[in-house]
Amino acid sequence: MKHETVKVQCSTPTPGKKPTRILKWKYESISAAIIKILSARANSGVRFSELSGLVENLIGDEVMKELGSASWYTTTVKLDLEAKGIVQRVPGSSPQVIKLSDKASRGPQRAI
């Protein structure tokens, strides 16, 4: 499968950390999967430790072959979505649980 080589910048909510640039098709694949997963579990959220495996199952083998490290890309895109206010950490959760933010739950959001 041929993909474009355009890159997007992924921010992080951690002050002082430099943004990371990844291929747009990878960002779009992962962000769409994360949002779909969190939408399906809107009430409970998802443990961050489980998110990568859920993303892998959702995007399928063909995309996984070209993606590389699902765990690394899931973390990078999750941090960007968090920095944009689309996803949020559930306060006081340990291990970390994430869910769609109230802002994202109110209506459609563009991930990029």
C-alpha atoms as a PDB file:
ATOM      1  CA  MET A   1       0.000   0.000   0.000  1.00  0.00           C
ATOM      2  CA  LYS A   2       1.402   3.382  -0.974  1.00  0.00           C
ATOM      3  CA  HIS A   3       1.127   6.210   1.564  1.00  0.00           C
ATOM      4  CA  GLU A   4       1.862   9.908   1.393  1.00  0.00           C
ATOM      5  CA  THR A   5       5.040  11.231   2.995  1.00  0.00           C
ATOM      6  CA  VAL A   6       3.481  14.327   4.589  1.00  0.00           C
ATOM      7  CA  LYS A   7       4.295  14.618   8.286  1.00  0.00           C
ATOM      8  CA  VAL A   8       2.361  16.106  11.185  1.00  0.00           C
ATOM      9  CA  GLN A   9       3.728  17.525  14.407  1.00  0.00           C
ATOM     10  CA  CYS A  10       2.682  15.786  17.618  1.00  0.00           C
ATOM     11  CA  SER A  11       2.784  17.867  20.770  1.00  0.00           C
ATOM     12  CA  THR A  12       3.050  16.645  24.328  1.00  0.00           C
ATOM     13  CA  PRO A  13       1.362  17.973  27.465  1.00  0.00           C
ATOM     14  CA  THR A  14       4.725  17.818  29.274  1.00  0.00           C
ATOM     15  CA  PRO A  15       6.302  21.291  29.487  1.00  0.00           C
ATOM     16  CA  GLY A  16       9.748  21.513  27.916  1.00  0.00           C
ATOM     17  CA  LYS A  17       9.399  18.399  25.746  1.00  0.00           C
ATOM     18  CA  LYS A  18       9.966  18.899  22.048  1.00  0.00           C
ATOM     19  CA  PRO A  19       7.231  17.862  19.612  1.00  0.00           C
ATOM     20  CA  THR A  20       7.670  14.798  17.419  1.00  0.00           C
ATOM     21  CA  ARG A  21       6.912  14.607  13.692  1.00  0.00           C
ATOM     22  CA  ILE A  22       5.303  11.469  12.266  1.00  0.00           C
ATOM     23  CA  LEU A  23       3.804  10.513   8.941  1.00  0.00           C
ATOM     24  CA  LYS A  24       0.273  11.861   8.554  1.00  0.00           C
ATOM     25  CA  TRP A  25      -1.253   8.505   7.535  1.00  0.00           C
ATOM     26  CA  LYS A  26       0.150   6.910  10.706  1.00  0.00           C
ATOM     27  CA  TYR A  27      -1.227   9.741  12.843  1.00  0.00           C
ATOM     28  CA  GLU A  28      -4.638   9.491  11.220  1.00  0.00           C
ATOM     29  CA  SER A  29      -4.783   5.696  11.586  1.00  0.00           C
ATOM     30  CA  ILE A  30      -3.805   5.733  15.249  1.00  0.00           C
ATOM     31  CA  SER A  31      -5.857   8.780  16.267  1.00  0.00           C
ATOM     32  CA  ALA A  32      -8.998   7.415  14.595  1.00  0.00           C
ATOM     33  CA  ALA A  33      -8.494   4.097  16.419  1.00  0.00           C
ATOM     34  CA  ILE A  34      -7.937   5.784  19.792  1.00  0.00           C
ATOM     35  CA  ILE A  35     -11.035   7.961  19.417  1.00  0.00           C
ATOM     36  CA  LYS A  36     -13.148   4.985  18.329  1.00  0.00           C
ATOM     37  CA  ILE A  37     -11.941   2.897  21.283  1.00  0.00           C
ATOM     38  CA  LEU A  38     -12.530   5.679  23.804  1.00  0.00           C
ATOM     39  CA  SER A  39     -15.946   6.467  22.313  1.00  0.00           C
ATOM     40  CA  ALA A  40     -16.974   2.843  22.823  1.00  0.00           C
ATOM     41  CA  ARG A  41     -15.880   3.040  26.473  1.00  0.00           C
ATOM     42  CA  ALA A  42     -17.048   6.558  27.211  1.00  0.00           C
ATOM     43  CA  ASN A  43     -18.218   5.757  30.740  1.00  0.00           C
ATOM     44  CA  SER A  44     -15.262   3.756  32.013  1.00  0.00           C
ATOM     45  CA  GLY A  45     -12.304   4.919  29.938  1.00  0.00           C
ATOM     46  CA  VAL A  46      -9.385   2.659  29.029  1.00  0.00           C
ATOM     47  CA  ARG A  47      -6.244   1.758  30.920  1.00  0.00           C
ATOM     48  CA  PHE A  48      -3.325   3.266  29.080  1.00  0.00           C
ATOM     49  CA  SER A  49      -1.480  -0.048  29.409  1.00  0.00           C
ATOM     50  CA  GLU A  50      -4.232  -1.727  27.342  1.00  0.00           C
ATOM     51  CA  LEU A  51      -4.579   0.961  24.684  1.00  0.00           C
ATOM     52  CA  SER A  52      -1.797  -0.156  22.343  1.00  0.00           C
ATOM     53  CA  GLY A  53      -3.163  -3.704  22.092  1.00  0.00           C
ATOM     54  CA  LEU A  54      -6.668  -2.400  21.440  1.00  0.00           C
ATOM     55  CA  VAL A  55      -5.320  -0.112  18.704  1.00  0.00           C
ATOM     56  CA  GLU A  56      -3.437  -3.001  17.084  1.00  0.00           C
ATOM     57  CA  ASN A  57      -6.577  -5.150  17.039  1.00  0.00           C
ATOM     58  CA  LEU A  58      -8.647  -2.362  15.543  1.00  0.00           C
ATOM     59  CA  ILE A  59      -6.333  -1.219  12.745  1.00  0.00           C
ATOM     60  CA  GLY A  60      -5.528  -4.728  11.519  1.00  0.00           C
ATOM     61  CA  ASP A  61      -2.548  -6.662  10.210  1.00  0.00           C
ATOM     62  CA  GLU A  62      -2.039  -4.813   6.913  1.00  0.00           C
ATOM     63  CA  VAL A  63      -1.603  -1.420   8.571  1.00  0.00           C
ATOM     64  CA  MET A  64       0.464  -2.973  11.372  1.00  0.00           C
ATOM     65  CA  LYS A  65       2.981  -4.326   8.841  1.00  0.00           C
ATOM     66  CA  GLU A  66       3.692  -0.795   7.644  1.00  0.00           C
ATOM     67  CA  LEU A  67       3.257   1.036  10.925  1.00  0.00           C
ATOM     68  CA  GLY A  68       6.181  -0.164  12.973  1.00  0.00           C
ATOM     69  CA  SER A  69       5.908   0.033  16.753  1.00  0.00           C
ATOM     70  CA  ALA A  70       2.216   0.320  17.623  1.00  0.00           C
ATOM     71  CA  SER A  71       3.121   1.049  21.224  1.00  0.00           C
ATOM     72  CA  TRP A  72       5.378   4.000  20.346  1.00  0.00           C
ATOM     73  CA  TYR A  73       2.906   5.509  17.865  1.00  0.00           C
ATOM     74  CA  THR A  74      -0.039   4.985  20.233  1.00  0.00           C
ATOM     75  CA  THR A  75       1.822   6.797  23.010  1.00  0.00           C
ATOM     76  CA  THR A  76       2.914   9.643  20.710  1.00  0.00           C
ATOM     77  CA  VAL A  77      -0.571  10.201  19.278  1.00  0.00           C
ATOM     78  CA  LYS A  78      -2.252   9.816  22.703  1.00  0.00           C
ATOM     79  CA  LEU A  79       0.000  12.550  24.100  1.00  0.00           C
ATOM     80  CA  ASP A  80      -0.845  14.822  21.160  1.00  0.00           C
ATOM     81  CA  LEU A  81      -4.588  14.217  21.596  1.00  0.00           C
ATOM     82  CA  GLU A  82      -4.136  14.944  25.285  1.00  0.00           C
ATOM     83  CA  ALA A  83      -2.270  18.190  24.552  1.00  0.00           C
ATOM     84  CA  LYS A  84      -5.120  19.213  22.210  1.00  0.00           C
ATOM     85  CA  GLY A  85      -7.732  18.484  24.866  1.00  0.00           C
ATOM     86  CA  ILE A  86      -9.360  15.635  22.941  1.00  0.00           C
ATOM     87  CA  VAL A  87      -8.469  12.955  25.488  1.00  0.00           C
ATOM     88  CA  GLN A  88      -7.774  13.298  29.191  1.00  0.00           C
ATOM     89  CA  ARG A  89      -6.360  11.272  32.028  1.00  0.00           C
ATOM     90  CA  VAL A  90      -8.867  10.239  34.655  1.00  0.00           C
ATOM     91  CA  PRO A  91      -7.744  12.089  37.803  1.00  0.00           C
ATOM     92  CA  GLY A  92      -6.536   9.837  40.601  1.00  0.00           C
ATOM     93  CA  SER A  93      -6.458   6.702  38.448  1.00  0.00           C
ATOM     94  CA  SER A  94      -3.605   4.301  38.977  1.00  0.00           C
ATOM     95  CA  PRO A  95      -2.666   2.754  36.649  1.00  0.00           C
ATOM     96  CA  GLN A  96      -3.386   5.586  34.231  1.00  0.00           C
ATOM     97  CA  VAL A  97      -6.852   5.551  32.663  1.00  0.00           C
ATOM     98  CA  ILE A  98      -7.743   7.788  29.736  1.00  0.00           C
ATOM     99  CA  LYS A  99     -11.053   8.846  28.261  1.00  0.00           C
ATOM    100  CA  LEU A 100     -12.431  11.316  25.766  1.00  0.00           C
ATOM    101  CA  SER A 101     -12.504  14.786  27.249  1.00  0.00           C
ATOM    102  CA  ASP A 102     -15.776  16.585  27.837  1.00  0.00           C
ATOM    103  CA  LYS A 103     -14.784  18.878  24.969  1.00  0.00           C
ATOM    104  CA  ALA A 104     -14.447  15.918  22.589  1.00  0.00           C
ATOM    105  CA  SER A 105     -17.632  14.271  23.855  1.00  0.00           C
ATOM    106  CA  ARG A 106     -19.752  17.303  22.945  1.00  0.00           C
ATOM    107  CA  GLY A 107     -19.238  17.025  19.230  1.00  0.00           C
ATOM    108  CA  PRO A 108     -17.110  15.923  16.312  1.00  0.00           C
ATOM    109  CA  GLN A 109     -13.448  16.821  16.525  1.00  0.00           C
ATOM    110  CA  ARG A 110     -10.750  16.942  13.958  1.00  0.00           C
ATOM    111  CA  ALA A 111      -7.796  15.011  15.282  1.00  0.00           C
ATOM    112  CA  ILE A 112      -5.279  17.170  13.415  1.00  0.00           C
END
